[in-house]
Amino acid sequence: SLNGGAKAWFRRAPGKDREFVAASTRGGRRVVDADAVKGRFTISI
């Protein structure tokens, strides 16, 4: 179950390193977003 752990989205743009996008911690207690997507991207479970 995803609810029992941390889950996240990352992305890799052409020619760039993989970067963090958004994550939700165990039980959905905390959601974090990268500054580049804050206010535009939403993670849900």
All heavy atoms as atom14 arrays in JSON, in Angstrom:
{
  "sequence": "SLNGGAKAWFRRAPGKDREFVAASTRGGRRVVDADAVKGRFTISI",
  "atom14_mask": [
    [1, 1, 1, 1, 1, 1, 0, 0, 0, 0, 0, 0, 0, 0],
    [1, 1, 1, 1, 1, 1, 1, 1, 0, 0, 0, 0, 0, 0],
    [1, 1, 1, 1, 1, 1, 1, 1, 0, 0, 0, 0, 0, 0],
    [1, 1, 1, 1, 0, 0, 0, 0, 0, 0, 0, 0, 0, 0],
    [1, 1, 1, 1, 0, 0, 0, 0, 0, 0, 0, 0, 0, 0],
    [1, 1, 1, 1, 1, 0, 0, 0, 0, 0, 0, 0, 0, 0],
    [1, 1, 1, 1, 1, 1, 1, 1, 1, 0, 0, 0, 0, 0],
    [1, 1, 1, 1, 1, 0, 0, 0, 0, 0, 0, 0, 0, 0],
    [1, 1, 1, 1, 1, 1, 1, 1, 1, 1, 1, 1, 1, 1],
    [1, 1, 1, 1, 1, 1, 1, 1, 1, 1, 1, 0, 0, 0],
    [1, 1, 1, 1, 1, 1, 1, 1, 1, 1, 1, 0, 0, 0],
    [1, 1, 1, 1, 1, 1, 1, 1, 1, 1, 1, 0, 0, 0],
    [1, 1, 1, 1, 1, 0, 0, 0, 0, 0, 0, 0, 0, 0],
    [1, 1, 1, 1, 1, 1, 1, 0, 0, 0, 0, 0, 0, 0],
    [1, 1, 1, 1, 0, 0, 0, 0, 0, 0, 0, 0, 0, 0],
    [1, 1, 1, 1, 1, 1, 1, 1, 1, 0, 0, 0, 0, 0],
    [1, 1, 1, 1, 1, 1, 1, 1, 0, 0, 0, 0, 0, 0],
    [1, 1, 1, 1, 1, 1, 1, 1, 1, 1, 1, 0, 0, 0],
    [1, 1, 1, 1, 1, 1, 1, 1, 1, 0, 0, 0, 0, 0],
    [1, 1, 1, 1, 1, 1, 1, 1, 1, 1, 1, 0, 0, 0],
    [1, 1, 1, 1, 1, 1, 1, 0, 0, 0, 0, 0, 0, 0],
    [1, 1, 1, 1, 1, 0, 0, 0, 0, 0, 0, 0, 0, 0],
    [1, 1, 1, 1, 1, 0, 0, 0, 0, 0, 0, 0, 0, 0],
    [1, 1, 1, 1, 1, 1, 0, 0, 0, 0, 0, 0, 0, 0],
    [1, 1, 1, 1, 1, 1, 1, 0, 0, 0, 0, 0, 0, 0],
    [1, 1, 1, 1, 1, 1, 1, 1, 1, 1, 1, 0, 0, 0],
    [1, 1, 1, 1, 0, 0, 0, 0, 0, 0, 0, 0, 0, 0],
    [1, 1, 1, 1, 0, 0, 0, 0, 0, 0, 0, 0, 0, 0],
    [1, 1, 1, 1, 1, 1, 1, 1, 1, 1, 1, 0, 0, 0],
    [1, 1, 1, 1, 1, 1, 1, 1, 1, 1, 1, 0, 0, 0],
    [1, 1, 1, 1, 1, 1, 1, 0, 0, 0, 0, 0, 0, 0],
    [1, 1, 1, 1, 1, 1, 1, 0, 0, 0, 0, 0, 0, 0],
    [1, 1, 1, 1, 1, 1, 1, 1, 0, 0, 0, 0, 0, 0],
    [1, 1, 1, 1, 1, 0, 0, 0, 0, 0, 0, 0, 0, 0],
    [1, 1, 1, 1, 1, 1, 1, 1, 0, 0, 0, 0, 0, 0],
    [1, 1, 1, 1, 1, 0, 0, 0, 0, 0, 0, 0, 0, 0],
    [1, 1, 1, 1, 1, 1, 1, 0, 0, 0, 0, 0, 0, 0],
    [1, 1, 1, 1, 1, 1, 1, 1, 1, 0, 0, 0, 0, 0],
    [1, 1, 1, 1, 0, 0, 0, 0, 0, 0, 0, 0, 0, 0],
    [1, 1, 1, 1, 1, 1, 1, 1, 1, 1, 1, 0, 0, 0],
    [1, 1, 1, 1, 1, 1, 1, 1, 1, 1, 1, 0, 0, 0],
    [1, 1, 1, 1, 1, 1, 1, 0, 0, 0, 0, 0, 0, 0],
    [1, 1, 1, 1, 1, 1, 1, 1, 0, 0, 0, 0, 0, 0],
    [1, 1, 1, 1, 1, 1, 0, 0, 0, 0, 0, 0, 0, 0],
    [1, 1, 1, 1, 1, 1, 1, 1, 0, 0, 0, 0, 0, 0]
  ],
  "atom14_positions": [
    [[0.82, -1.19, 0.0], [0.0, 0.0, 0.0], [0.86, 1.26, 0.0], [1.76, 1.4, 0.84], [-0.91, 0.0, 1.24], [-1.57, 1.25, 1.35], [0.0, 0.0, 0.0], [0.0, 0.0, 0.0], [0.0, 0.0, 0.0], [0.0, 0.0, 0.0], [0.0, 0.0, 0.0], [0.0, 0.0, 0.0], [0.0, 0.0, 0.0], [0.0, 0.0, 0.0]],
    [[0.58, 2.16, -0.93], [1.3, 3.43, -0.97], [1.13, 4.22, 0.33], [2.01, 4.99, 0.71], [0.81, 4.28, -2.14], [1.25, 3.85, -3.54], [0.58, 4.73, -4.59], [2.76, 3.88, -3.69], [0.0, 0.0, 0.0], [0.0, 0.0, 0.0], [0.0, 0.0, 0.0], [0.0, 0.0, 0.0], [0.0, 0.0, 0.0], [0.0, 0.0, 0.0]],
    [[0.02, 4.01, 1.01], [-0.24, 4.76, 2.24], [0.78, 4.43, 3.33], [0.98, 5.22, 4.25], [-1.66, 4.45, 2.73], [-2.14, 5.44, 3.78], [-2.02, 6.63, 3.6], [-2.66, 4.93, 4.88], [0.0, 0.0, 0.0], [0.0, 0.0, 0.0], [0.0, 0.0, 0.0], [0.0, 0.0, 0.0], [0.0, 0.0, 0.0], [0.0, 0.0, 0.0]],
    [[1.45, 3.3, 3.2], [2.4, 2.89, 4.21], [3.81, 3.42, 4.01], [4.71, 3.1, 4.8], [0.0, 0.0, 0.0], [0.0, 0.0, 0.0], [0.0, 0.0, 0.0], [0.0, 0.0, 0.0], [0.0, 0.0, 0.0], [0.0, 0.0, 0.0], [0.0, 0.0, 0.0], [0.0, 0.0, 0.0], [0.0, 0.0, 0.0], [0.0, 0.0, 0.0]],
    [[4.01, 4.24, 3.0], [5.35, 4.75, 2.75], [5.33, 6.12, 2.12], [4.27, 6.73, 1.94], [0.0, 0.0, 0.0], [0.0, 0.0, 0.0], [0.0, 0.0, 0.0], [0.0, 0.0, 0.0], [0.0, 0.0, 0.0], [0.0, 0.0, 0.0], [0.0, 0.0, 0.0], [0.0, 0.0, 0.0], [0.0, 0.0, 0.0], [0.0, 0.0, 0.0]],
    [[6.49, 6.6, 1.77], [6.61, 7.86, 1.04], [6.49, 7.57, -0.45], [6.92, 6.53, -0.93], [7.95, 8.51, 1.34], [0.0, 0.0, 0.0], [0.0, 0.0, 0.0], [0.0, 0.0, 0.0], [0.0, 0.0, 0.0], [0.0, 0.0, 0.0], [0.0, 0.0, 0.0], [0.0, 0.0, 0.0], [0.0, 0.0, 0.0], [0.0, 0.0, 0.0]],
    [[5.91, 8.5, -1.18], [5.75, 8.37, -2.62], [5.98, 9.73, -3.25], [5.6, 10.74, -2.66], [4.39, 7.78, -3.04], [3.21, 8.37, -2.31], [2.98, 7.71, -0.94], [1.79, 8.3, -0.21], [1.73, 7.88, 1.21], [0.0, 0.0, 0.0], [0.0, 0.0, 0.0], [0.0, 0.0, 0.0], [0.0, 0.0, 0.0], [0.0, 0.0, 0.0]],
    [[6.54, 9.71, -4.42], [6.97, 10.97, -5.0], [6.97, 10.92, -6.51], [6.93, 9.86, -7.13], [8.38, 11.32, -4.51], [0.0, 0.0, 0.0], [0.0, 0.0, 0.0], [0.0, 0.0, 0.0], [0.0, 0.0, 0.0], [0.0, 0.0, 0.0], [0.0, 0.0, 0.0], [0.0, 0.0, 0.0], [0.0, 0.0, 0.0], [0.0, 0.0, 0.0]],
    [[7.04, 12.11, -7.07], [7.26, 12.31, -8.51], [8.59, 13.03, -8.69], [8.87, 14.0, -7.99], [6.14, 13.14, -9.12], [4.83, 12.44, -9.2], [3.8, 12.53, -8.31], [4.38, 11.54, -10.21], [2.75, 11.73, -8.71], [3.09, 11.11, -9.88], [4.97, 11.04, -11.39], [2.35, 10.23, -10.68], [4.24, 10.16, -12.17], [2.94, 9.75, -11.81]],
    [[9.36, 12.53, -9.63], [10.59, 13.17, -10.07], [10.5, 13.36, -11.59], [9.65, 12.75, -12.24], [11.82, 12.31, -9.73], [12.15, 12.26, -8.27], [11.43, 11.43, -7.41], [13.17, 13.02, -7.74], [11.72, 11.37, -6.05], [13.49, 12.97, -6.38], [12.76, 12.14, -5.54], [0.0, 0.0, 0.0], [0.0, 0.0, 0.0], [0.0, 0.0, 0.0]],
    [[11.39, 14.16, -12.12], [11.41, 14.32, -13.58], [12.85, 14.54, -14.05], [13.68, 15.01, -13.3], [10.52, 15.48, -14.04], [11.0, 16.87, -13.6], [9.98, 17.93, -13.99], [10.42, 19.27, -13.63], [9.67, 20.36, -13.78], [8.44, 20.27, -14.28], [10.14, 21.54, -13.44], [0.0, 0.0, 0.0], [0.0, 0.0, 0.0], [0.0, 0.0, 0.0]],
    [[13.09, 14.18, -15.3], [14.39, 14.41, -15.92], [14.16, 15.07, -17.26], [13.6, 14.45, -18.18], [15.16, 13.11, -16.1], [16.59, 13.34, -16.6], [17.25, 12.04, -17.02], [17.32, 11.07, -15.93], [18.32, 11.02, -15.05], [19.32, 11.85, -15.15], [18.31, 10.11, -14.1], [0.0, 0.0, 0.0], [0.0, 0.0, 0.0], [0.0, 0.0, 0.0]],
    [[14.58, 16.33, -17.36], [14.47, 17.07, -18.62], [15.68, 16.73, -19.5], [16.72, 16.31, -18.99], [14.42, 18.56, -18.34], [0.0, 0.0, 0.0], [0.0, 0.0, 0.0], [0.0, 0.0, 0.0], [0.0, 0.0, 0.0], [0.0, 0.0, 0.0], [0.0, 0.0, 0.0], [0.0, 0.0, 0.0], [0.0, 0.0, 0.0], [0.0, 0.0, 0.0]],
    [[15.57, 16.92, -20.8], [16.69, 16.63, -21.71], [17.95, 17.37, -21.3], [17.93, 18.59, -21.1], [16.17, 17.12, -23.06], [14.7, 17.02, -22.95], [14.36, 17.37, -21.53], [0.0, 0.0, 0.0], [0.0, 0.0, 0.0], [0.0, 0.0, 0.0], [0.0, 0.0, 0.0], [0.0, 0.0, 0.0], [0.0, 0.0, 0.0], [0.0, 0.0, 0.0]],
    [[19.04, 16.63, -21.13], [20.32, 17.24, -20.79], [20.46, 17.69, -19.36], [21.45, 18.33, -19.0], [0.0, 0.0, 0.0], [0.0, 0.0, 0.0], [0.0, 0.0, 0.0], [0.0, 0.0, 0.0], [0.0, 0.0, 0.0], [0.0, 0.0, 0.0], [0.0, 0.0, 0.0], [0.0, 0.0, 0.0], [0.0, 0.0, 0.0], [0.0, 0.0, 0.0]],
    [[19.5, 17.35, -18.51], [19.55, 17.78, -17.11], [19.5, 16.59, -16.18], [19.12, 15.49, -16.57], [18.41, 18.74, -16.81], [18.47, 20.05, -17.57], [17.38, 21.0, -17.11], [17.47, 22.33, -17.84], [16.41, 23.27, -17.38], [0.0, 0.0, 0.0], [0.0, 0.0, 0.0], [0.0, 0.0, 0.0], [0.0, 0.0, 0.0], [0.0, 0.0, 0.0]],
    [[19.85, 16.82, -14.92], [19.77, 15.78, -13.92], [18.31, 15.57, -13.49], [17.47, 16.45, -13.66], [20.6, 16.15, -12.68], [22.08, 16.19, -12.97], [22.53, 15.45, -13.88], [22.8, 16.96, -12.28], [0.0, 0.0, 0.0], [0.0, 0.0, 0.0], [0.0, 0.0, 0.0], [0.0, 0.0, 0.0], [0.0, 0.0, 0.0], [0.0, 0.0, 0.0]],
    [[18.06, 14.41, -12.91], [16.73, 14.16, -12.38], [16.47, 15.12, -11.22], [17.34, 15.36, -10.39], [16.65, 12.71, -11.9], [15.29, 12.3, -11.38], [15.24, 10.8, -11.13], [16.28, 10.37, -10.22], [16.6, 9.1, -10.02], [15.97, 8.15, -10.67], [17.55, 8.77, -9.17], [0.0, 0.0, 0.0], [0.0, 0.0, 0.0], [0.0, 0.0, 0.0]],
    [[15.23, 15.65, -11.18], [14.91, 16.59, -10.13], [13.6, 16.22, -9.45], [12.7, 15.63, -10.06], [14.82, 18.03, -10.68], [13.68, 18.28, -11.63], [13.53, 19.75, -11.98], [14.2, 20.6, -11.39], [12.69, 20.04, -12.86], [0.0, 0.0, 0.0], [0.0, 0.0, 0.0], [0.0, 0.0, 0.0], [0.0, 0.0, 0.0], [0.0, 0.0, 0.0]],
    [[13.51, 16.6, -8.19], [12.33, 16.35, -7.39], [11.18, 17.24, -7.86], [11.39, 18.42, -8.18], [12.65, 16.63, -5.92], [11.46, 16.67, -5.02], [10.83, 15.49, -4.65], [10.96, 17.86, -4.55], [9.71, 15.51, -3.82], [9.87, 17.9, -3.71], [9.24, 16.73, -3.35], [0.0, 0.0, 0.0], [0.0, 0.0, 0.0], [0.0, 0.0, 0.0]],
    [[9.96, 16.68, -7.85], [8.77, 17.44, -8.23], [7.83, 17.59, -7.04], [7.5, 18.7, -6.62], [8.05, 16.78, -9.41], [6.75, 17.51, -9.72], [8.94, 16.73, -10.64], [0.0, 0.0, 0.0], [0.0, 0.0, 0.0], [0.0, 0.0, 0.0], [0.0, 0.0, 0.0], [0.0, 0.0, 0.0], [0.0, 0.0, 0.0], [0.0, 0.0, 0.0]],
    [[7.38, 16.48, -6.49], [6.43, 16.52, -5.38], [6.43, 15.18, -4.67], [6.75, 14.16, -5.27], [5.03, 16.86, -5.87], [0.0, 0.0, 0.0], [0.0, 0.0, 0.0], [0.0, 0.0, 0.0], [0.0, 0.0, 0.0], [0.0, 0.0, 0.0], [0.0, 0.0, 0.0], [0.0, 0.0, 0.0], [0.0, 0.0, 0.0], [0.0, 0.0, 0.0]],
    [[6.04, 15.19, -3.39], [6.0, 13.96, -2.62], [4.94, 14.03, -1.54], [4.55, 15.11, -1.09], [7.36, 13.68, -1.99], [0.0, 0.0, 0.0], [0.0, 0.0, 0.0], [0.0, 0.0, 0.0], [0.0, 0.0, 0.0], [0.0, 0.0, 0.0], [0.0, 0.0, 0.0], [0.0, 0.0, 0.0], [0.0, 0.0, 0.0], [0.0, 0.0, 0.0]],
    [[4.52, 12.86, -1.12], [3.6, 12.71, 0.01], [4.2, 11.67, 0.94], [4.61, 10.6, 0.5], [2.22, 12.26, -0.48], [1.36, 12.01, 0.61], [0.0, 0.0, 0.0], [0.0, 0.0, 0.0], [0.0, 0.0, 0.0], [0.0, 0.0, 0.0], [0.0, 0.0, 0.0], [0.0, 0.0, 0.0], [0.0, 0.0, 0.0], [0.0, 0.0, 0.0]],
    [[4.28, 12.0, 2.22], [4.91, 11.08, 3.16], [3.94, 10.0, 3.62], [2.77, 9.99, 3.25], [5.45, 11.85, 4.36], [4.37, 12.53, 5.01], [6.5, 12.87, 3.93], [0.0, 0.0, 0.0], [0.0, 0.0, 0.0], [0.0, 0.0, 0.0], [0.0, 0.0, 0.0], [0.0, 0.0, 0.0], [0.0, 0.0, 0.0], [0.0, 0.0, 0.0]],
    [[4.43, 9.12, 4.47], [3.62, 8.0, 4.96], [2.34, 8.5, 5.6], [2.36, 9.43, 6.41], [4.42, 7.18, 5.96], [3.72, 5.94, 6.46], [4.61, 5.09, 7.36], [5.11, 5.82, 8.5], [6.38, 6.11, 8.7], [7.3, 5.73, 7.82], [6.76, 6.78, 9.77], [0.0, 0.0, 0.0], [0.0, 0.0, 0.0], [0.0, 0.0, 0.0]],
    [[1.22, 7.9, 5.18], [-0.07, 8.31, 5.7], [-0.54, 9.65, 5.21], [-1.58, 10.15, 5.66], [0.0, 0.0, 0.0], [0.0, 0.0, 0.0], [0.0, 0.0, 0.0], [0.0, 0.0, 0.0], [0.0, 0.0, 0.0], [0.0, 0.0, 0.0], [0.0, 0.0, 0.0], [0.0, 0.0, 0.0], [0.0, 0.0, 0.0], [0.0, 0.0, 0.0]],
    [[0.19, 10.24, 4.26], [-0.2, 11.54, 3.73], [-0.05, 12.67, 4.72], [-0.66, 13.73, 4.55], [0.0, 0.0, 0.0], [0.0, 0.0, 0.0], [0.0, 0.0, 0.0], [0.0, 0.0, 0.0], [0.0, 0.0, 0.0], [0.0, 0.0, 0.0], [0.0, 0.0, 0.0], [0.0, 0.0, 0.0], [0.0, 0.0, 0.0], [0.0, 0.0, 0.0]],
    [[0.79, 12.47, 5.74], [0.9, 13.49, 6.79], [1.54, 14.78, 6.29], [1.28, 15.85, 6.81], [1.69, 12.92, 7.96], [0.89, 11.96, 8.82], [1.58, 11.68, 10.13], [2.77, 10.86, 9.95], [2.74, 9.52, 9.99], [1.6, 8.9, 10.19], [3.84, 8.82, 9.83], [0.0, 0.0, 0.0], [0.0, 0.0, 0.0], [0.0, 0.0, 0.0]],
    [[2.4, 14.66, 5.28], [3.07, 15.87, 4.79], [3.2, 15.79, 3.29], [3.54, 14.73, 2.74], [4.45, 16.0, 5.43], [5.21, 17.26, 5.08], [6.34, 17.5, 6.07], [7.38, 16.49, 5.99], [8.59, 16.7, 5.5], [8.91, 17.86, 5.0], [9.5, 15.74, 5.52], [0.0, 0.0, 0.0], [0.0, 0.0, 0.0], [0.0, 0.0, 0.0]],
    [[2.94, 16.89, 2.63], [3.09, 16.99, 1.18], [4.1, 18.1, 0.9], [4.01, 19.18, 1.47], [1.76, 17.31, 0.49], [1.97, 17.56, -1.0], [0.77, 16.16, 0.7], [0.0, 0.0, 0.0], [0.0, 0.0, 0.0], [0.0, 0.0, 0.0], [0.0, 0.0, 0.0], [0.0, 0.0, 0.0], [0.0, 0.0, 0.0], [0.0, 0.0, 0.0]],
    [[5.06, 17.8, 0.05], [6.06, 18.81, -0.31], [6.1, 18.96, -1.81], [5.9, 18.0, -2.56], [7.47, 18.42, 0.22], [7.49, 18.46, 1.74], [7.87, 17.03, -0.26], [0.0, 0.0, 0.0], [0.0, 0.0, 0.0], [0.0, 0.0, 0.0], [0.0, 0.0, 0.0], [0.0, 0.0, 0.0], [0.0, 0.0, 0.0], [0.0, 0.0, 0.0]],
    [[6.33, 20.19, -2.26], [6.42, 20.49, -3.68], [7.7, 21.25, -3.96], [8.14, 22.05, -3.14], [5.24, 21.37, -4.13], [3.91, 20.76, -3.81], [3.74, 19.56, -4.08], [3.03, 21.47, -3.31], [0.0, 0.0, 0.0], [0.0, 0.0, 0.0], [0.0, 0.0, 0.0], [0.0, 0.0, 0.0], [0.0, 0.0, 0.0], [0.0, 0.0, 0.0]],
    [[8.25, 21.03, -5.14], [9.4, 21.81, -5.55], [8.95, 23.23, -5.89], [7.82, 23.44, -6.34], [10.05, 21.16, -6.76], [0.0, 0.0, 0.0], [0.0, 0.0, 0.0], [0.0, 0.0, 0.0], [0.0, 0.0, 0.0], [0.0, 0.0, 0.0], [0.0, 0.0, 0.0], [0.0, 0.0, 0.0], [0.0, 0.0, 0.0], [0.0, 0.0, 0.0]],
    [[9.83, 24.2, -5.71], [9.48, 25.59, -5.99], [9.04, 25.79, -7.44], [8.15, 26.59, -7.73], [10.67, 26.51, -5.69], [10.93, 26.64, -4.19], [10.03, 26.3, -3.4], [12.04, 27.06, -3.82], [0.0, 0.0, 0.0], [0.0, 0.0, 0.0], [0.0, 0.0, 0.0], [0.0, 0.0, 0.0], [0.0, 0.0, 0.0], [0.0, 0.0, 0.0]],
    [[9.64, 25.03, -8.35], [9.35, 25.21, -9.77], [7.91, 24.84, -10.13], [7.4, 25.28, -11.16], [10.32, 24.38, -10.6], [0.0, 0.0, 0.0], [0.0, 0.0, 0.0], [0.0, 0.0, 0.0], [0.0, 0.0, 0.0], [0.0, 0.0, 0.0], [0.0, 0.0, 0.0], [0.0, 0.0, 0.0], [0.0, 0.0, 0.0], [0.0, 0.0, 0.0]],
    [[7.26, 24.04, -9.28], [5.9, 23.59, -9.62], [4.88, 24.03, -8.59], [3.68, 23.77, -8.75], [5.85, 22.05, -9.76], [6.89, 21.58, -10.77], [6.05, 21.36, -8.43], [0.0, 0.0, 0.0], [0.0, 0.0, 0.0], [0.0, 0.0, 0.0], [0.0, 0.0, 0.0], [0.0, 0.0, 0.0], [0.0, 0.0, 0.0], [0.0, 0.0, 0.0]],
    [[5.35, 24.72, -7.55], [4.45, 25.11, -6.47], [3.31, 25.97, -7.01], [3.53, 26.92, -7.76], [5.23, 25.87, -5.4], [4.55, 25.91, -4.05], [5.45, 26.57, -3.02], [6.7, 25.74, -2.76], [6.38, 24.48, -2.04], [0.0, 0.0, 0.0], [0.0, 0.0, 0.0], [0.0, 0.0, 0.0], [0.0, 0.0, 0.0], [0.0, 0.0, 0.0]],
    [[2.09, 25.61, -6.63], [0.93, 26.36, -7.08], [0.38, 25.9, -8.42], [-0.72, 26.29, -8.81], [0.0, 0.0, 0.0], [0.0, 0.0, 0.0], [0.0, 0.0, 0.0], [0.0, 0.0, 0.0], [0.0, 0.0, 0.0], [0.0, 0.0, 0.0], [0.0, 0.0, 0.0], [0.0, 0.0, 0.0], [0.0, 0.0, 0.0], [0.0, 0.0, 0.0]],
    [[1.15, 25.05, -9.13], [0.68, 24.56, -10.44], [0.43, 23.05, -10.43], [-0.49, 22.57, -11.08], [1.71, 24.88, -11.52], [1.97, 26.35, -11.74], [2.84, 26.57, -12.97], [4.14, 25.92, -12.84], [4.62, 25.04, -13.72], [3.91, 24.69, -14.78], [5.82, 24.49, -13.55], [0.0, 0.0, 0.0], [0.0, 0.0, 0.0], [0.0, 0.0, 0.0]],
    [[1.25, 22.3, -9.7], [1.14, 20.85, -9.66], [0.56, 20.42, -8.31], [0.9, 21.0, -7.27], [2.5, 20.19, -9.85], [3.1, 20.31, -11.21], [2.58, 21.18, -12.16], [4.21, 19.56, -11.56], [3.14, 21.29, -13.43], [4.79, 19.65, -12.81], [4.26, 20.52, -13.75], [0.0, 0.0, 0.0], [0.0, 0.0, 0.0], [0.0, 0.0, 0.0]],
    [[-0.27, 19.39, -8.34], [-0.86, 18.87, -7.11], [-0.73, 17.35, -7.09], [-1.12, 16.68, -8.06], [-2.35, 19.24, -7.0], [-2.49, 20.66, -7.07], [-2.93, 18.73, -5.69], [0.0, 0.0, 0.0], [0.0, 0.0, 0.0], [0.0, 0.0, 0.0], [0.0, 0.0, 0.0], [0.0, 0.0, 0.0], [0.0, 0.0, 0.0], [0.0, 0.0, 0.0]],
    [[-0.2, 16.82, -6.0], [-0.09, 15.38, -5.82], [-1.28, 14.88, -5.0], [-1.72, 15.56, -4.07], [1.25, 15.02, -5.14], [1.49, 13.51, -5.17], [1.31, 15.55, -3.72], [2.89, 13.12, -4.67], [0.0, 0.0, 0.0], [0.0, 0.0, 0.0], [0.0, 0.0, 0.0], [0.0, 0.0, 0.0], [0.0, 0.0, 0.0], [0.0, 0.0, 0.0]],
    [[-1.82, 13.74, -5.39], [-2.93, 13.16, -4.64], [-2.82, 11.65, -4.66], [-2.16, 11.08, -5.53], [-4.27, 13.62, -5.2], [-4.45, 13.14, -6.51], [0.0, 0.0, 0.0], [0.0, 0.0, 0.0], [0.0, 0.0, 0.0], [0.0, 0.0, 0.0], [0.0, 0.0, 0.0], [0.0, 0.0, 0.0], [0.0, 0.0, 0.0], [0.0, 0.0, 0.0]],
    [[-3.46, 11.04, -3.68], [-3.39, 9.58, -3.53], [-4.81, 9.02, -3.43], [-5.63, 9.54, -2.66], [-2.63, 9.18, -2.26], [-1.32, 9.97, -2.13], [-2.35, 7.67, -2.25], [-0.32, 9.72, -3.21], [0.0, 0.0, 0.0], [0.0, 0.0, 0.0], [0.0, 0.0, 0.0], [0.0, 0.0, 0.0], [0.0, 0.0, 0.0], [0.0, 0.0, 0.0]]
  ]
}
